[in-house]
Amino acid sequence: MRTIALVTQKGGSGKSTIASSLAVAAHEAGERVFLIDMDPQASLSRWYKVRKDASIGCEAMTPGRLPAAISALEKAGVTLVIIDTPGTESPVASAAMKAADLCVIPARPNAFDLWASESTRKMVRELRKEYVFLLNQCPPVQQSARVEEGAKALEAMGGVVTPFISARVDFQEAARHGYGVTELNPWGAASEEIQKLWGSIKRRLAKVAPGKARRAA
């Protein structure tokens, strides 16, 4: 089993939106997926209630319950756990990082998110965890210079996973109806981005020794 944590010390970076659509894309690719909602805003839990589909599990969880829950999920045959976290530095975020095989740090291409990403990267490195940055909510093509600047800044901090995720209506519509973008519009640009993103993350996970996160914790 592999565990991903979406972490950042900046709110509004789109962690819950990415987590829900990524979970659906991974499930469609054959993974047995479980979502853990550790964000007090409970966005994933609300999405799950609207979804009304048990093919992907979801549960809100406290840091104290996390290690035992991950162990139980592995025994139950789950192959992928995705953890959503609050946009603050907290014991919750730290617990998620410790449990993860790979920490994904979403950031919008603006100065405030990039500064917050550096702080998050410092925490992740102190815990000796594997991590990648994800450039999210990117503006239209005509503003691609700003995206490129953001990508260069994140690359200098340790690497960016591709593709970059654009700001598209499909993401918000899918979340509102309890879908992933690959369900809402299977042939749309957002769907293609998320499918490619899952492929990139899966390749990153393949480079991490199985169970390394749980042994380190």
Protein backbone atom coordinates (compact mmCIF):
# COMPACT_ATOMS: atom_id res chain seq x y z
CA MET A 1 0.00 0.00 0.00
CA ARG A 2 1.12 3.54 -0.76
CA THR A 3 0.19 6.72 1.09
CA ILE A 4 0.13 10.27 -0.30
CA ALA A 5 -0.34 13.40 1.80
CA LEU A 6 -1.32 16.72 0.25
CA VAL A 7 0.33 19.32 2.46
CA THR A 8 0.97 23.05 2.44
CA GLN A 9 0.98 25.89 4.95
CA LYS A 10 -1.21 28.04 2.69
CA GLY A 11 -4.99 27.80 2.38
CA GLY A 12 -6.70 27.92 -0.99
CA SER A 13 -4.12 25.86 -2.87
CA GLY A 14 -6.73 23.31 -3.96
CA LYS A 15 -5.68 20.29 -1.90
CA SER A 16 -9.18 18.87 -1.45
CA THR A 17 -10.11 19.38 -5.09
CA ILE A 18 -6.95 17.62 -6.24
CA ALA A 19 -7.37 14.83 -3.67
CA SER A 20 -10.92 13.98 -4.77
CA SER A 21 -10.23 13.93 -8.51
CA LEU A 22 -6.90 12.16 -8.05
CA ALA A 23 -8.62 9.47 -5.96
CA VAL A 24 -11.18 8.86 -8.69
CA ALA A 25 -8.53 8.71 -11.43
CA ALA A 26 -6.46 6.22 -9.42
CA HIS A 27 -9.56 4.11 -8.73
CA GLU A 28 -10.39 4.07 -12.44
CA ALA A 29 -6.81 2.92 -13.09
CA GLY A 30 -7.31 -0.12 -10.81
CA GLU A 31 -6.26 1.10 -7.36
CA ARG A 32 -8.26 0.41 -4.20
CA VAL A 33 -8.42 3.94 -2.81
CA PHE A 34 -9.24 5.37 0.60
CA LEU A 35 -9.37 9.08 1.43
CA ILE A 36 -8.49 10.39 4.90
CA ASP A 37 -9.82 13.85 5.71
CA MET A 38 -7.72 15.57 8.39
CA ASP A 39 -8.79 19.11 7.50
CA PRO A 40 -11.18 20.72 10.05
CA GLN A 41 -13.04 22.29 7.11
CA ALA A 42 -14.04 18.71 6.14
CA SER A 43 -14.26 19.47 2.42
CA LEU A 44 -13.50 15.89 1.40
CA SER A 45 -16.04 14.49 3.84
CA ARG A 46 -18.71 16.77 2.38
CA TRP A 47 -17.74 15.77 -1.16
CA TYR A 48 -18.04 12.12 -0.13
CA LYS A 49 -21.53 12.60 1.31
CA VAL A 50 -22.67 14.20 -1.95
CA ARG A 51 -21.00 11.40 -3.92
CA LYS A 52 -22.97 8.51 -2.35
CA ASP A 53 -20.61 5.90 -3.83
CA ALA A 54 -18.69 3.46 -1.63
CA SER A 55 -16.22 2.38 -4.33
CA ILE A 56 -13.79 4.87 -2.76
CA GLY A 57 -13.70 5.07 1.04
CA CYS A 58 -13.44 8.29 3.02
CA GLU A 59 -13.23 9.08 6.73
CA ALA A 60 -12.40 12.09 8.87
CA MET A 61 -9.55 11.34 11.24
CA THR A 62 -7.46 12.74 14.09
CA PRO A 63 -3.65 12.40 14.25
CA GLY A 64 -3.87 9.90 17.10
CA ARG A 65 -5.93 7.47 15.04
CA LEU A 66 -3.87 7.75 11.88
CA PRO A 67 -1.16 5.06 12.37
CA ALA A 68 -3.64 2.35 13.40
CA ALA A 69 -6.03 3.32 10.60
CA ILE A 70 -3.33 3.09 7.94
CA SER A 71 -2.26 -0.32 9.24
CA ALA A 72 -5.87 -1.54 9.15
CA LEU A 73 -6.41 -0.22 5.64
CA GLU A 74 -3.33 -2.04 4.40
CA LYS A 75 -4.57 -5.29 5.93
CA ALA A 76 -7.96 -4.73 4.29
CA GLY A 77 -6.34 -4.64 0.84
CA VAL A 78 -6.39 -0.90 0.16
CA THR A 79 -3.58 -0.03 -2.26
CA LEU A 80 -3.64 3.78 -2.11
CA VAL A 81 -4.38 6.19 0.74
CA ILE A 82 -4.68 9.92 0.05
CA ILE A 83 -4.58 12.26 3.05
CA ASP A 84 -5.98 15.80 2.92
CA THR A 85 -4.67 18.27 5.51
CA PRO A 86 -5.35 21.81 6.73
CA GLY A 87 -3.52 24.76 5.17
CA THR A 88 -1.58 25.52 8.35
CA GLU A 89 1.49 24.33 10.21
CA SER A 90 0.00 22.00 12.83
CA PRO A 91 0.33 18.59 14.55
CA VAL A 92 -2.26 17.37 12.03
CA ALA A 93 -0.09 18.24 9.04
CA SER A 94 2.99 16.81 10.77
CA ALA A 95 1.21 13.49 11.44
CA ALA A 96 0.13 13.25 7.80
CA MET A 97 3.67 13.92 6.59
CA LYS A 98 5.07 11.24 8.89
CA ALA A 99 2.56 8.69 7.59
CA ALA A 100 3.11 9.45 3.91
CA ASP A 101 5.33 7.69 1.41
CA LEU A 102 5.16 10.84 -0.71
CA CYS A 103 4.19 14.40 0.26
CA VAL A 104 2.63 16.43 -2.56
CA ILE A 105 2.88 20.19 -2.01
CA PRO A 106 0.35 22.09 -4.18
CA ALA A 107 1.05 25.75 -4.93
CA ARG A 108 -0.57 28.37 -7.12
CA PRO A 109 1.83 30.41 -9.28
CA ASN A 110 1.95 33.46 -7.02
CA ALA A 111 4.44 34.84 -4.52
CA PHE A 112 2.44 34.01 -1.38
CA ASP A 113 2.00 30.34 -2.30
CA LEU A 114 5.63 30.01 -3.33
CA TRP A 115 6.81 31.45 -0.01
CA ALA A 116 4.51 29.08 1.87
CA SER A 117 5.82 26.18 -0.21
CA GLU A 118 9.34 26.86 1.00
CA SER A 119 8.16 26.64 4.63
CA THR A 120 6.34 23.37 3.92
CA ARG A 121 9.37 21.94 2.15
CA LYS A 122 11.47 22.71 5.22
CA MET A 123 9.09 20.72 7.44
CA VAL A 124 9.02 17.79 5.03
CA ARG A 125 12.80 17.70 4.77
CA GLU A 126 13.20 17.81 8.55
CA LEU A 127 11.04 14.66 8.66
CA ARG A 128 13.17 13.13 5.88
CA LYS A 129 10.16 12.49 3.70
CA GLU A 130 9.97 12.24 -0.07
CA TYR A 131 8.17 15.19 -1.66
CA VAL A 132 7.21 16.87 -4.93
CA PHE A 133 5.63 20.21 -5.74
CA LEU A 134 2.46 20.48 -7.80
CA LEU A 135 1.71 23.72 -9.62
CA ASN A 136 -2.08 24.09 -9.35
CA GLN A 137 -4.80 26.50 -10.51
CA CYS A 138 -2.57 27.81 -13.28
CA PRO A 139 -3.90 30.74 -15.35
CA PRO A 140 -4.76 30.62 -19.07
CA VAL A 141 -2.10 30.10 -21.71
CA GLN A 142 -1.78 33.82 -22.36
CA GLN A 143 -0.36 34.18 -18.85
CA SER A 144 2.07 31.29 -19.20
CA ALA A 145 5.08 33.45 -18.27
CA ARG A 146 3.85 33.59 -14.67
CA VAL A 147 3.39 29.82 -14.64
CA GLU A 148 6.90 29.31 -15.96
CA GLU A 149 8.33 31.58 -13.28
CA GLY A 150 6.49 29.61 -10.61
CA ALA A 151 7.70 26.32 -12.04
CA LYS A 152 11.30 27.49 -12.01
CA ALA A 153 11.00 28.60 -8.40
CA LEU A 154 9.58 25.25 -7.31
CA GLU A 155 12.08 23.30 -9.38
CA ALA A 156 14.87 25.13 -7.58
CA MET A 157 13.37 23.93 -4.27
CA GLY A 158 13.40 20.27 -5.19
CA GLY A 159 11.34 19.24 -8.18
CA VAL A 160 7.91 19.67 -9.72
CA VAL A 161 5.52 16.90 -10.73
CA THR A 162 3.83 17.31 -14.12
CA PRO A 163 1.52 18.21 -15.69
CA PHE A 164 0.66 21.57 -14.21
CA ILE A 165 -3.03 21.74 -13.30
CA SER A 166 -4.98 24.58 -14.89
CA ALA A 167 -7.82 26.59 -13.34
CA ARG A 168 -10.77 24.93 -15.07
CA VAL A 169 -14.51 25.02 -14.38
CA ASP A 170 -14.67 21.21 -14.55
CA PHE A 171 -12.80 20.89 -11.24
CA GLN A 172 -15.33 23.02 -9.37
CA GLU A 173 -18.34 21.40 -11.05
CA ALA A 174 -17.04 17.92 -10.32
CA ALA A 175 -16.45 18.74 -6.66
CA ARG A 176 -19.91 20.28 -6.31
CA HIS A 177 -21.61 17.12 -7.60
CA GLY A 178 -19.42 14.60 -5.77
CA TYR A 179 -17.50 13.52 -8.89
CA GLY A 180 -13.93 13.45 -10.06
CA VAL A 181 -13.23 15.38 -13.26
CA THR A 182 -12.67 12.11 -15.11
CA GLU A 183 -16.30 11.19 -14.32
CA LEU A 184 -17.80 14.61 -15.02
CA ASN A 185 -16.13 15.10 -18.40
CA PRO A 186 -14.01 12.05 -19.35
CA TRP A 187 -12.70 13.63 -22.57
CA GLY A 188 -12.06 17.11 -21.21
CA ALA A 189 -8.74 18.85 -20.66
CA ALA A 190 -9.07 18.66 -16.85
CA SER A 191 -9.61 14.91 -17.07
CA GLU A 192 -6.48 14.51 -19.18
CA GLU A 193 -4.44 16.56 -16.71
CA ILE A 194 -5.56 14.48 -13.71
CA GLN A 195 -4.96 11.17 -15.47
CA LYS A 196 -1.45 12.27 -16.38
CA LEU A 197 -0.90 13.57 -12.85
CA TRP A 198 -1.80 10.17 -11.38
CA GLY A 199 0.65 8.55 -13.82
CA SER A 200 3.42 10.91 -12.71
CA ILE A 201 2.73 10.38 -9.00
CA LYS A 202 2.58 6.62 -9.44
CA ARG A 203 6.02 6.69 -11.05
CA ARG A 204 7.34 8.77 -8.14
CA LEU A 205 5.88 6.30 -5.64
CA ALA A 206 7.59 3.43 -7.43
CA LYS A 207 10.93 4.96 -6.47
CA VAL A 208 10.10 4.91 -2.75
CA ALA A 209 10.71 1.71 -0.80
CA PRO A 210 7.36 0.18 0.28
CA GLY A 211 6.57 0.75 3.94
CA LYS A 212 9.41 3.23 4.41
CA ALA A 213 7.04 5.85 5.82
CA ARG A 214 5.51 3.51 8.38
CA ARG A 215 8.89 2.25 9.53
CA ALA A 216 10.15 5.82 9.89
CA ALA A 217 7.10 6.85 11.89
